[in-house]
Amino acid sequence: MVQAVNLTRRFAETVAVDRMNLEIEKGEIFGLVGPDGGGKTTTLRLFCGLLDPTEGQVLVIGHNTVEETFAVKDRIGYMAQRFGLYADLTVEENMNFYADLFGLDSAHRNTLAAELLEMTRMEPFRKRAAGKLSGGMKQKLALMCTLLHRPDVLFLDEPTNGVDPVSRRDFWAILYQLVKDGMTVCIATAYLDEAERCNRVGLMHEGRIIRCASPGDLRARMEESCYQVTARDLRKTREYLETLPGIVGVEPAGAALHLFLSPSETSVAVVKEALEKDGPESVEMKQIVPSLEDVFIALIRKSGREKNVSRVPGE
């Protein structure tokens, strides 16, 4: 449904998207996951034909986003980060306005509007002004307006940012229903718990997809070993562990630390021996199954180490 080939977008000297190669299959929820500034929004805008690539190309349902822009826009729905509807209009009036933009006749718009209002449980609020809706309801309204023309591919840019947990759950229930009905969804999010809900995830950092797989495969294929470390003095323990060779990263995790070590460079036995010899007192280590957050942090730390190693001295 979506294919990016060597996709690159620069803004002056900044590379927002860096040689991306990616395919999104029909009927899946694909998550673009990463921190703010990682290139997620720019990627979605490239996928929608709202930006032209500096290099490479994007095909959406076989159509080139630059050469066949209108063919692409007829088949997709795009929901931006910001609430882009009219606050003074009611829910129903906003939907009618977007139906006019899509050129829907009255019969189709009435049928679709009724289905969407029922799906989102927004029927009781159809006469309420959009500006008086809660954050979660505004997002539901934006989604309904995006879905009025029945797109084949839906692009969502951090749709649940700032939304309460109940509304987030409702929103994801709607997405699952849309995919069940045959739609393909590509969602950008900074929430790693939401990434767990996706069929596949592309972890983005500094404009690059550093790993792409299902959440389960990402955890299973993590090269580094992950350990939970408890200690009397976490700050001192973290500082000491970061000096040891083969340690990819040491990150705070509640009342403990999560330690990532490279099995090709060191072992837990070596680390424990070093701790017993020169490290802080009362330190315990236990191997754990990494979370998706652990995987992402370890990959970012590893990427940073590799970049520093490859840098020419004095550069």
C-alpha atoms as a PDB file:
ATOM      1  CA  MET A   1       0.000   0.000   0.000  1.00  0.00           C
ATOM      2  CA  VAL A   2       2.900   2.365   0.748  1.00  0.00           C
ATOM      3  CA  GLN A   3       6.434   2.038  -0.581  1.00  0.00           C
ATOM      4  CA  ALA A   4       9.295   4.434   0.163  1.00  0.00           C
ATOM      5  CA  VAL A   5      12.450   4.049  -1.926  1.00  0.00           C
ATOM      6  CA  ASN A   6      15.611   5.862  -0.777  1.00  0.00           C
ATOM      7  CA  LEU A   7      13.298   8.575   0.550  1.00  0.00           C
ATOM      8  CA  THR A   8      15.190  11.691   1.654  1.00  0.00           C
ATOM      9  CA  ARG A   9      14.015  15.144   2.651  1.00  0.00           C
ATOM     10  CA  ARG A  10      16.333  18.025   3.562  1.00  0.00           C
ATOM     11  CA  PHE A  11      15.525  21.447   4.961  1.00  0.00           C
ATOM     12  CA  ALA A  12      18.620  23.531   4.219  1.00  0.00           C
ATOM     13  CA  GLU A  13      21.388  21.668   6.092  1.00  0.00           C
ATOM     14  CA  THR A  14      19.003  19.548   8.169  1.00  0.00           C
ATOM     15  CA  VAL A  15      18.245  16.012   6.978  1.00  0.00           C
ATOM     16  CA  ALA A  16      14.741  15.312   8.300  1.00  0.00           C
ATOM     17  CA  VAL A  17      14.325  11.949   6.531  1.00  0.00           C
ATOM     18  CA  ASP A  18      17.464  10.034   5.597  1.00  0.00           C
ATOM     19  CA  ARG A  19      17.385   7.403   2.784  1.00  0.00           C
ATOM     20  CA  MET A  20      14.315   5.597   4.036  1.00  0.00           C
ATOM     21  CA  ASN A  21      13.318   2.271   2.445  1.00  0.00           C
ATOM     22  CA  LEU A  22      10.019   0.985   3.753  1.00  0.00           C
ATOM     23  CA  GLU A  23       6.942  -0.999   2.724  1.00  0.00           C
ATOM     24  CA  ILE A  24       3.555  -0.958   4.480  1.00  0.00           C
ATOM     25  CA  GLU A  25       1.278  -3.889   3.718  1.00  0.00           C
ATOM     26  CA  LYS A  26      -2.475  -3.849   3.151  1.00  0.00           C
ATOM     27  CA  GLY A  27      -4.600  -4.264   6.272  1.00  0.00           C
ATOM     28  CA  GLU A  28      -1.920  -3.614   8.884  1.00  0.00           C
ATOM     29  CA  ILE A  29      -1.397  -0.978  11.541  1.00  0.00           C
ATOM     30  CA  PHE A  30       2.131   0.313  11.025  1.00  0.00           C
ATOM     31  CA  GLY A  31       3.680   2.526  13.697  1.00  0.00           C
ATOM     32  CA  LEU A  32       6.337   5.168  13.126  1.00  0.00           C
ATOM     33  CA  VAL A  33       7.760   5.491  16.616  1.00  0.00           C
ATOM     34  CA  GLY A  34      10.354   7.891  17.896  1.00  0.00           C
ATOM     35  CA  PRO A  35      11.102  11.039  19.883  1.00  0.00           C
ATOM     36  CA  ASP A  36      10.076  14.556  18.893  1.00  0.00           C
ATOM     37  CA  GLY A  37      12.251  15.785  16.039  1.00  0.00           C
ATOM     38  CA  GLY A  38      12.940  12.247  14.814  1.00  0.00           C
ATOM     39  CA  GLY A  39      11.320  12.806  11.398  1.00  0.00           C
ATOM     40  CA  LYS A  40       7.898  11.197  11.909  1.00  0.00           C
ATOM     41  CA  THR A  41       5.750  14.157  10.834  1.00  0.00           C
ATOM     42  CA  THR A  42       7.915  14.896   7.808  1.00  0.00           C
ATOM     43  CA  THR A  43       7.679  11.236   6.778  1.00  0.00           C
ATOM     44  CA  LEU A  44       3.873  11.281   6.960  1.00  0.00           C
ATOM     45  CA  ARG A  45       3.711  14.512   4.958  1.00  0.00           C
ATOM     46  CA  LEU A  46       5.915  12.917   2.304  1.00  0.00           C
ATOM     47  CA  PHE A  47       3.654   9.850   2.259  1.00  0.00           C
ATOM     48  CA  CYS A  48       0.611  12.090   1.739  1.00  0.00           C
ATOM     49  CA  GLY A  49       2.151  14.137  -1.061  1.00  0.00           C
ATOM     50  CA  LEU A  50       2.145  17.308   1.049  1.00  0.00           C
ATOM     51  CA  LEU A  51       5.933  17.548   0.695  1.00  0.00           C
ATOM     52  CA  ASP A  52       8.120  16.584  -2.250  1.00  0.00           C
ATOM     53  CA  PRO A  53      11.166  14.393  -1.569  1.00  0.00           C
ATOM     54  CA  THR A  54      14.625  15.861  -2.005  1.00  0.00           C
ATOM     55  CA  GLU A  55      15.655  12.425  -3.261  1.00  0.00           C
ATOM     56  CA  GLY A  56      13.906   9.085  -3.759  1.00  0.00           C
ATOM     57  CA  GLN A  57      10.191   8.491  -4.151  1.00  0.00           C
ATOM     58  CA  VAL A  58       6.992   7.340  -2.448  1.00  0.00           C
ATOM     59  CA  LEU A  59       4.347   5.128  -4.048  1.00  0.00           C
ATOM     60  CA  VAL A  60       0.900   4.951  -2.418  1.00  0.00           C
ATOM     61  CA  ILE A  61      -1.292   2.182  -3.856  1.00  0.00           C
ATOM     62  CA  GLY A  62       0.997   2.272  -6.896  1.00  0.00           C
ATOM     63  CA  HIS A  63       0.738   6.037  -7.440  1.00  0.00           C
ATOM     64  CA  ASN A  64       3.769   8.333  -7.268  1.00  0.00           C
ATOM     65  CA  THR A  65       3.070  11.084  -4.708  1.00  0.00           C
ATOM     66  CA  VAL A  66       4.788  13.751  -6.846  1.00  0.00           C
ATOM     67  CA  GLU A  67       3.601  12.826 -10.326  1.00  0.00           C
ATOM     68  CA  GLU A  68       0.104  11.601  -9.365  1.00  0.00           C
ATOM     69  CA  THR A  69      -0.711  13.788  -6.368  1.00  0.00           C
ATOM     70  CA  PHE A  70      -4.484  13.946  -6.879  1.00  0.00           C
ATOM     71  CA  ALA A  71      -4.760  10.192  -7.440  1.00  0.00           C
ATOM     72  CA  VAL A  72      -2.994   9.689  -4.105  1.00  0.00           C
ATOM     73  CA  LYS A  73      -5.105  12.226  -2.209  1.00  0.00           C
ATOM     74  CA  ASP A  74      -8.332  10.587  -3.407  1.00  0.00           C
ATOM     75  CA  ARG A  75      -7.285   7.306  -1.774  1.00  0.00           C
ATOM     76  CA  ILE A  76      -5.871   8.483   1.569  1.00  0.00           C
ATOM     77  CA  GLY A  77      -6.954  10.173   4.774  1.00  0.00           C
ATOM     78  CA  TYR A  78      -4.561  12.379   6.761  1.00  0.00           C
ATOM     79  CA  MET A  79      -5.097  13.548  10.329  1.00  0.00           C
ATOM     80  CA  ALA A  80      -2.540  16.128  11.430  1.00  0.00           C
ATOM     81  CA  GLN A  81      -1.314  16.750  14.970  1.00  0.00           C
ATOM     82  CA  ARG A  82      -3.275  19.943  15.495  1.00  0.00           C
ATOM     83  CA  PHE A  83      -7.044  20.153  15.720  1.00  0.00           C
ATOM     84  CA  GLY A  84      -7.861  21.589  12.282  1.00  0.00           C
ATOM     85  CA  LEU A  85     -11.640  21.818  12.465  1.00  0.00           C
ATOM     86  CA  TYR A  86     -13.926  24.790  13.006  1.00  0.00           C
ATOM     87  CA  ALA A  87     -14.554  25.475  16.677  1.00  0.00           C
ATOM     88  CA  ASP A  88     -17.724  27.551  16.080  1.00  0.00           C
ATOM     89  CA  LEU A  89     -19.392  24.817  14.012  1.00  0.00           C
ATOM     90  CA  THR A  90     -21.122  21.844  15.575  1.00  0.00           C
ATOM     91  CA  VAL A  91     -19.956  18.267  15.129  1.00  0.00           C
ATOM     92  CA  GLU A  92     -22.606  17.753  12.468  1.00  0.00           C
ATOM     93  CA  GLU A  93     -21.763  21.017  10.651  1.00  0.00           C
ATOM     94  CA  ASN A  94     -18.063  20.162  10.566  1.00  0.00           C
ATOM     95  CA  MET A  95     -18.865  16.775   9.048  1.00  0.00           C
ATOM     96  CA  ASN A  96     -21.168  18.355   6.441  1.00  0.00           C
ATOM     97  CA  PHE A  97     -18.474  20.856   5.516  1.00  0.00           C
ATOM     98  CA  TYR A  98     -15.906  18.115   4.925  1.00  0.00           C
ATOM     99  CA  ALA A  99     -18.480  16.054   3.039  1.00  0.00           C
ATOM    100  CA  ASP A 100     -18.891  19.043   0.700  1.00  0.00           C
ATOM    101  CA  LEU A 101     -15.123  19.211   0.199  1.00  0.00           C
ATOM    102  CA  PHE A 102     -15.075  15.517  -0.708  1.00  0.00           C
ATOM    103  CA  GLY A 103     -17.998  15.982  -3.086  1.00  0.00           C
ATOM    104  CA  LEU A 104     -20.256  13.493  -1.310  1.00  0.00           C
ATOM    105  CA  ASP A 105     -23.935  13.534  -2.226  1.00  0.00           C
ATOM    106  CA  SER A 106     -26.545  13.789   0.525  1.00  0.00           C
ATOM    107  CA  ALA A 107     -27.415  10.075   0.496  1.00  0.00           C
ATOM    108  CA  HIS A 108     -23.788   8.952   0.944  1.00  0.00           C
ATOM    109  CA  ARG A 109     -22.959  11.584   3.545  1.00  0.00           C
ATOM    110  CA  ASN A 110     -25.986  10.752   5.685  1.00  0.00           C
ATOM    111  CA  THR A 111     -25.213   7.038   5.624  1.00  0.00           C
ATOM    112  CA  LEU A 112     -21.504   7.514   6.368  1.00  0.00           C
ATOM    113  CA  ALA A 113     -22.103  10.145   9.032  1.00  0.00           C
ATOM    114  CA  ALA A 114     -24.543   7.880  10.860  1.00  0.00           C
ATOM    115  CA  GLU A 115     -22.071   4.968  10.753  1.00  0.00           C
ATOM    116  CA  LEU A 116     -19.176   7.113  12.000  1.00  0.00           C
ATOM    117  CA  LEU A 117     -21.186   8.742  14.781  1.00  0.00           C
ATOM    118  CA  GLU A 118     -22.245   5.300  16.005  1.00  0.00           C
ATOM    119  CA  MET A 119     -18.716   3.861  15.729  1.00  0.00           C
ATOM    120  CA  THR A 120     -17.190   6.728  17.724  1.00  0.00           C
ATOM    121  CA  ARG A 121     -20.120   7.036  20.164  1.00  0.00           C
ATOM    122  CA  MET A 122     -20.422  10.726  19.212  1.00  0.00           C
ATOM    123  CA  GLU A 123     -24.125  10.641  18.280  1.00  0.00           C
ATOM    124  CA  PRO A 124     -25.239  12.381  21.532  1.00  0.00           C
ATOM    125  CA  PHE A 125     -22.840  15.269  20.781  1.00  0.00           C
ATOM    126  CA  ARG A 126     -23.662  15.937  17.128  1.00  0.00           C
ATOM    127  CA  LYS A 127     -25.196  19.355  17.964  1.00  0.00           C
ATOM    128  CA  ARG A 128     -22.345  20.450  20.251  1.00  0.00           C
ATOM    129  CA  ALA A 129     -19.870  23.080  19.026  1.00  0.00           C
ATOM    130  CA  ALA A 130     -16.466  21.565  18.248  1.00  0.00           C
ATOM    131  CA  GLY A 131     -14.747  24.133  20.456  1.00  0.00           C
ATOM    132  CA  LYS A 132     -16.662  22.835  23.483  1.00  0.00           C
ATOM    133  CA  LEU A 133     -15.632  19.202  23.021  1.00  0.00           C
ATOM    134  CA  SER A 134     -13.068  17.472  25.230  1.00  0.00           C
ATOM    135  CA  GLY A 135      -9.647  16.660  23.781  1.00  0.00           C
ATOM    136  CA  GLY A 136     -10.592  13.054  23.093  1.00  0.00           C
ATOM    137  CA  MET A 137     -13.863  14.059  21.429  1.00  0.00           C
ATOM    138  CA  LYS A 138     -12.064  16.569  19.204  1.00  0.00           C
ATOM    139  CA  GLN A 139      -9.768  13.809  18.010  1.00  0.00           C
ATOM    140  CA  LYS A 140     -12.749  11.573  17.295  1.00  0.00           C
ATOM    141  CA  LEU A 141     -14.378  14.368  15.290  1.00  0.00           C
ATOM    142  CA  ALA A 142     -11.174  14.940  13.330  1.00  0.00           C
ATOM    143  CA  LEU A 143     -11.016  11.205  12.602  1.00  0.00           C
ATOM    144  CA  MET A 144     -14.647  11.117  11.435  1.00  0.00           C
ATOM    145  CA  CYS A 145     -14.058  13.999   9.028  1.00  0.00           C
ATOM    146  CA  THR A 146     -10.944  12.230   7.715  1.00  0.00           C
ATOM    147  CA  LEU A 147     -12.922   9.023   7.124  1.00  0.00           C
ATOM    148  CA  LEU A 148     -15.919  10.522   5.336  1.00  0.00           C
ATOM    149  CA  HIS A 149     -14.649   9.602   1.858  1.00  0.00           C
ATOM    150  CA  ARG A 150     -13.695   6.037   2.917  1.00  0.00           C
ATOM    151  CA  PRO A 151      -9.924   6.206   2.311  1.00  0.00           C
ATOM    152  CA  ASP A 152      -7.916   3.051   1.623  1.00  0.00           C
ATOM    153  CA  VAL A 153      -4.944   4.259   3.688  1.00  0.00           C
ATOM    154  CA  LEU A 154      -5.187   6.342   6.844  1.00  0.00           C
ATOM    155  CA  PHE A 155      -2.231   8.427   8.061  1.00  0.00           C
ATOM    156  CA  LEU A 156      -2.396   9.639  11.663  1.00  0.00           C
ATOM    157  CA  ASP A 157       0.124  12.022  13.217  1.00  0.00           C
ATOM    158  CA  GLU A 158       0.245  11.511  16.998  1.00  0.00           C
ATOM    159  CA  PRO A 159      -3.578  11.367  17.234  1.00  0.00           C
ATOM    160  CA  THR A 160      -3.714  10.605  20.962  1.00  0.00           C
ATOM    161  CA  ASN A 161      -1.169  13.187  22.122  1.00  0.00           C
ATOM    162  CA  GLY A 162      -2.581  14.829  25.256  1.00  0.00           C
ATOM    163  CA  VAL A 163      -5.691  12.626  25.245  1.00  0.00           C
ATOM    164  CA  ASP A 164      -6.902  10.931  28.439  1.00  0.00           C
ATOM    165  CA  PRO A 165      -6.389   7.142  28.856  1.00  0.00           C
ATOM    166  CA  VAL A 166     -10.062   6.234  28.330  1.00  0.00           C
ATOM    167  CA  SER A 167     -10.272   8.234  25.099  1.00  0.00           C
ATOM    168  CA  ARG A 168      -7.002   6.691  23.921  1.00  0.00           C
ATOM    169  CA  ARG A 169      -8.450   3.226  24.468  1.00  0.00           C
ATOM    170  CA  ASP A 170     -11.606   4.178  22.560  1.00  0.00           C
ATOM    171  CA  PHE A 171      -9.540   5.625  19.737  1.00  0.00           C
ATOM    172  CA  TRP A 172      -7.551   2.419  19.345  1.00  0.00           C
ATOM    173  CA  ALA A 173     -10.729   0.337  19.396  1.00  0.00           C
ATOM    174  CA  ILE A 174     -11.919   2.402  16.425  1.00  0.00           C
ATOM    175  CA  LEU A 175      -8.623   1.820  14.587  1.00  0.00           C
ATOM    176  CA  TYR A 176      -8.874  -1.944  15.096  1.00  0.00           C
ATOM    177  CA  GLN A 177     -12.379  -1.885  13.641  1.00  0.00           C
ATOM    178  CA  LEU A 178     -11.205   0.109  10.611  1.00  0.00           C
ATOM    179  CA  VAL A 179      -8.402  -2.375   9.937  1.00  0.00           C
ATOM    180  CA  LYS A 180     -10.831  -5.270  10.369  1.00  0.00           C
ATOM    181  CA  ASP A 181     -12.943  -3.636   7.655  1.00  0.00           C
ATOM    182  CA  GLY A 182      -9.936  -3.574   5.293  1.00  0.00           C
ATOM    183  CA  MET A 183      -8.273  -0.220   5.885  1.00  0.00           C
ATOM    184  CA  THR A 184      -4.497   0.236   6.206  1.00  0.00           C
ATOM    185  CA  VAL A 185      -3.298   2.528   9.006  1.00  0.00           C
ATOM    186  CA  CYS A 186       0.045   4.278   9.438  1.00  0.00           C
ATOM    187  CA  ILE A 187       0.335   6.053  12.771  1.00  0.00           C
ATOM    188  CA  ALA A 188       3.129   8.251  14.118  1.00  0.00           C
ATOM    189  CA  THR A 189       3.479   8.204  17.890  1.00  0.00           C
ATOM    190  CA  ALA A 190       5.962   8.930  20.633  1.00  0.00           C
ATOM    191  CA  TYR A 191       4.164   6.543  23.010  1.00  0.00           C
ATOM    192  CA  LEU A 192       5.900   3.175  23.139  1.00  0.00           C
ATOM    193  CA  ASP A 193       2.893   1.550  24.819  1.00  0.00           C
ATOM    194  CA  GLU A 194       0.941   2.452  21.673  1.00  0.00           C
ATOM    195  CA  ALA A 195       3.684   0.921  19.536  1.00  0.00           C
ATOM    196  CA  GLU A 196       2.899  -2.387  21.258  1.00  0.00           C
ATOM    197  CA  ARG A 197      -0.569  -2.240  19.662  1.00  0.00           C
ATOM    198  CA  CYS A 198       0.808  -2.057  16.097  1.00  0.00           C
ATOM    199  CA  ASN A 199       1.337  -5.031  13.788  1.00  0.00           C
ATOM    200  CA  ARG A 200       4.761  -3.686  12.836  1.00  0.00           C
ATOM    201  CA  VAL A 201       6.856  -0.806  14.092  1.00  0.00           C
ATOM    202  CA  GLY A 202       9.527   1.347  12.485  1.00  0.00           C
ATOM    203  CA  LEU A 203      11.777   2.844  15.166  1.00  0.00           C
ATOM    204  CA  MET A 204      12.869   6.302  13.943  1.00  0.00           C
ATOM    205  CA  HIS A 205      15.882   8.253  15.146  1.00  0.00           C
ATOM    206  CA  GLU A 206      17.423  11.297  13.456  1.00  0.00           C
ATOM    207  CA  GLY A 207      15.436  10.697  10.288  1.00  0.00           C
ATOM    208  CA  ARG A 208      16.374   7.041   9.896  1.00  0.00           C
ATOM    209  CA  ILE A 209      14.503   3.797  10.477  1.00  0.00           C
ATOM    210  CA  ILE A 210      16.963   2.066  12.781  1.00  0.00           C
ATOM    211  CA  ARG A 211      14.893  -1.123  13.109  1.00  0.00           C
ATOM    212  CA  CYS A 212      11.610  -2.375  11.633  1.00  0.00           C
ATOM    213  CA  ALA A 213       9.691  -5.462  12.805  1.00  0.00           C
ATOM    214  CA  SER A 214       6.775  -6.542  14.953  1.00  0.00           C
ATOM    215  CA  PRO A 215       7.017  -5.504  18.643  1.00  0.00           C
ATOM    216  CA  GLY A 216       7.603  -9.147  19.625  1.00  0.00           C
ATOM    217  CA  ASP A 217      10.396  -9.608  17.089  1.00  0.00           C
ATOM    218  CA  LEU A 218      12.065  -6.362  18.162  1.00  0.00           C
ATOM    219  CA  ARG A 219      12.290  -7.632  21.734  1.00  0.00           C
ATOM    220  CA  ALA A 220      13.339 -11.167  20.752  1.00  0.00           C
ATOM    221  CA  ARG A 221      16.052 -10.038  18.347  1.00  0.00           C
ATOM    222  CA  MET A 222      17.695  -7.504  20.619  1.00  0.00           C
ATOM    223  CA  GLU A 223      21.440  -8.226  20.489  1.00  0.00           C
ATOM    224  CA  GLU A 224      22.206  -6.689  23.856  1.00  0.00           C
ATOM    225  CA  SER A 225      21.342  -8.406  27.141  1.00  0.00           C
ATOM    226  CA  CYS A 226      19.103  -6.472  29.503  1.00  0.00           C
ATOM    227  CA  TYR A 227      19.455  -6.547  33.295  1.00  0.00           C
ATOM    228  CA  GLN A 228      17.611  -4.881  36.139  1.00  0.00           C
ATOM    229  CA  VAL A 229      20.040  -3.397  38.638  1.00  0.00           C
ATOM    230  CA  THR A 230      19.093  -2.472  42.204  1.00  0.00           C
ATOM    231  CA  ALA A 231      21.495  -0.682  44.518  1.00  0.00           C
ATOM    232  CA  ARG A 232      21.715   1.406  47.653  1.00  0.00           C
ATOM    233  CA  ASP A 233      23.116   4.358  45.687  1.00  0.00           C
ATOM    234  CA  LEU A 234      21.681   4.318  42.137  1.00  0.00           C
ATOM    235  CA  ARG A 235      23.482   7.450  40.962  1.00  0.00           C
ATOM    236  CA  LYS A 236      26.904   6.213  42.038  1.00  0.00           C
ATOM    237  CA  THR A 237      26.174   2.740  40.636  1.00  0.00           C
ATOM    238  CA  ARG A 238      25.122   4.152  37.281  1.00  0.00           C
ATOM    239  CA  GLU A 239      28.223   6.308  37.030  1.00  0.00           C
ATOM    240  CA  TYR A 240      30.438   3.316  37.793  1.00  0.00           C
ATOM    241  CA  LEU A 241      28.709   0.928  35.358  1.00  0.00           C
ATOM    242  CA  GLU A 242      29.003   3.465  32.518  1.00  0.00           C
ATOM    243  CA  THR A 243      32.815   3.299  32.838  1.00  0.00           C
ATOM    244  CA  LEU A 244      32.964  -0.462  32.173  1.00  0.00           C
ATOM    245  CA  PRO A 245      33.772  -1.773  28.668  1.00  0.00           C
ATOM    246  CA  GLY A 246      30.938  -3.449  26.764  1.00  0.00           C
ATOM    247  CA  ILE A 247      28.177  -1.478  28.486  1.00  0.00           C
ATOM    248  CA  VAL A 248      25.838  -0.051  25.860  1.00  0.00           C
ATOM    249  CA  GLY A 249      23.742   1.953  28.299  1.00  0.00           C
ATOM    250  CA  VAL A 250      22.483   2.328  31.852  1.00  0.00           C
ATOM    251  CA  GLU A 251      19.061   3.940  32.175  1.00  0.00           C
ATOM    252  CA  PRO A 252      16.872   4.848  35.187  1.00  0.00           C
ATOM    253  CA  ALA A 253      13.769   2.646  35.501  1.00  0.00           C
ATOM    254  CA  GLY A 254      11.727   3.624  38.541  1.00  0.00           C
ATOM    255  CA  ALA A 255      13.542   2.519  41.693  1.00  0.00           C
ATOM    256  CA  ALA A 256      16.102   0.550  39.665  1.00  0.00           C
ATOM    257  CA  LEU A 257      18.383   0.772  36.643  1.00  0.00           C
ATOM    258  CA  HIS A 258      18.193  -1.068  33.341  1.00  0.00           C
ATOM    259  CA  LEU A 259      21.607  -2.160  32.136  1.00  0.00           C
ATOM    260  CA  PHE A 260      22.342  -3.084  28.515  1.00  0.00           C
ATOM    261  CA  LEU A 261      25.535  -4.989  27.813  1.00  0.00           C
ATOM    262  CA  SER A 262      27.014  -6.315  24.590  1.00  0.00           C
ATOM    263  CA  PRO A 263      27.615 -10.102  24.854  1.00  0.00           C
ATOM    264  CA  SER A 264      30.392  -9.847  22.246  1.00  0.00           C
ATOM    265  CA  GLU A 265      32.347  -7.400  24.418  1.00  0.00           C
ATOM    266  CA  THR A 266      31.641  -8.445  27.988  1.00  0.00           C
ATOM    267  CA  SER A 267      29.537 -10.739  30.170  1.00  0.00           C
ATOM    268  CA  VAL A 268      27.453 -10.452  33.305  1.00  0.00           C
ATOM    269  CA  ALA A 269      30.133 -12.427  35.169  1.00  0.00           C
ATOM    270  CA  VAL A 270      32.771  -9.840  34.232  1.00  0.00           C
ATOM    271  CA  VAL A 271      30.485  -6.983  35.269  1.00  0.00           C
ATOM    272  CA  LYS A 272      29.688  -8.629  38.611  1.00  0.00           C
ATOM    273  CA  GLU A 273      33.368  -9.269  39.252  1.00  0.00           C
ATOM    274  CA  ALA A 274      34.164  -5.616  38.580  1.00  0.00           C
ATOM    275  CA  LEU A 275      31.383  -4.504  40.906  1.00  0.00           C
ATOM    276  CA  GLU A 276      32.603  -6.760  43.703  1.00  0.00           C
ATOM    277  CA  LYS A 277      36.159  -5.531  43.284  1.00  0.00           C
ATOM    278  CA  ASP A 278      35.816  -1.771  42.789  1.00  0.00           C
ATOM    279  CA  GLY A 279      32.117  -0.911  42.570  1.00  0.00           C
ATOM    280  CA  PRO A 280      29.579   0.459  45.035  1.00  0.00           C
ATOM    281  CA  GLU A 281      28.130  -1.762  47.742  1.00  0.00           C
ATOM    282  CA  SER A 282      24.796  -3.626  47.757  1.00  0.00           C
ATOM    283  CA  VAL A 283      24.386  -3.981  43.994  1.00  0.00           C
ATOM    284  CA  GLU A 284      22.191  -6.779  42.603  1.00  0.00           C
ATOM    285  CA  MET A 285      21.618  -7.741  38.956  1.00  0.00           C
ATOM    286  CA  LYS A 286      18.778  -9.766  37.427  1.00  0.00           C
ATOM    287  CA  GLN A 287      18.269 -10.511  33.738  1.00  0.00           C
ATOM    288  CA  ILE A 288      14.884  -9.367  32.415  1.00  0.00           C
ATOM    289  CA  VAL A 289      12.909  -9.457  29.188  1.00  0.00           C
ATOM    290  CA  PRO A 290      13.356  -6.023  27.623  1.00  0.00           C
ATOM    291  CA  SER A 291      10.378  -3.805  26.980  1.00  0.00           C
ATOM    292  CA  LEU A 292       9.993  -1.994  23.677  1.00  0.00           C
ATOM    293  CA  GLU A 293      11.243   1.110  25.457  1.00  0.00           C
ATOM    294  CA  ASP A 294      14.362  -0.786  26.520  1.00  0.00           C
ATOM    295  CA  VAL A 295      14.947  -1.932  22.937  1.00  0.00           C
ATOM    296  CA  PHE A 296      14.557   1.577  21.526  1.00  0.00           C
ATOM    297  CA  ILE A 297      16.877   3.171  24.080  1.00  0.00           C
ATOM    298  CA  ALA A 298      19.527   0.480  23.564  1.00  0.00           C
ATOM    299  CA  LEU A 299      19.376   0.933  19.779  1.00  0.00           C
ATOM    300  CA  ILE A 300      19.728   4.714  20.083  1.00  0.00           C
ATOM    301  CA  ARG A 301      22.698   4.353  22.438  1.00  0.00           C
ATOM    302  CA  LYS A 302      24.300   1.796  20.104  1.00  0.00           C
ATOM    303  CA  SER A 303      23.727   4.064  17.105  1.00  0.00           C
ATOM    304  CA  GLY A 304      25.422   6.923  18.951  1.00  0.00           C
ATOM    305  CA  ARG A 305      28.424   4.765  19.853  1.00  0.00           C
ATOM    306  CA  GLU A 306      28.848   3.580  16.261  1.00  0.00           C
ATOM    307  CA  LYS A 307      28.620   7.151  14.974  1.00  0.00           C
ATOM    308  CA  ASN A 308      31.339   8.287  17.404  1.00  0.00           C
ATOM    309  CA  VAL A 309      33.602   5.366  16.465  1.00  0.00           C
ATOM    310  CA  SER A 310      33.246   6.061  12.743  1.00  0.00           C
ATOM    311  CA  ARG A 311      33.980   9.768  13.161  1.00  0.00           C
ATOM    312  CA  VAL A 312      37.403  10.799  11.863  1.00  0.00           C
ATOM    313  CA  PRO A 313      39.664  12.165  14.658  1.00  0.00           C
ATOM    314  CA  GLY A 314      39.849  15.944  14.527  1.00  0.00           C
ATOM    315  CA  GLU A 315      36.802  16.179  12.280  1.00  0.00           C
END
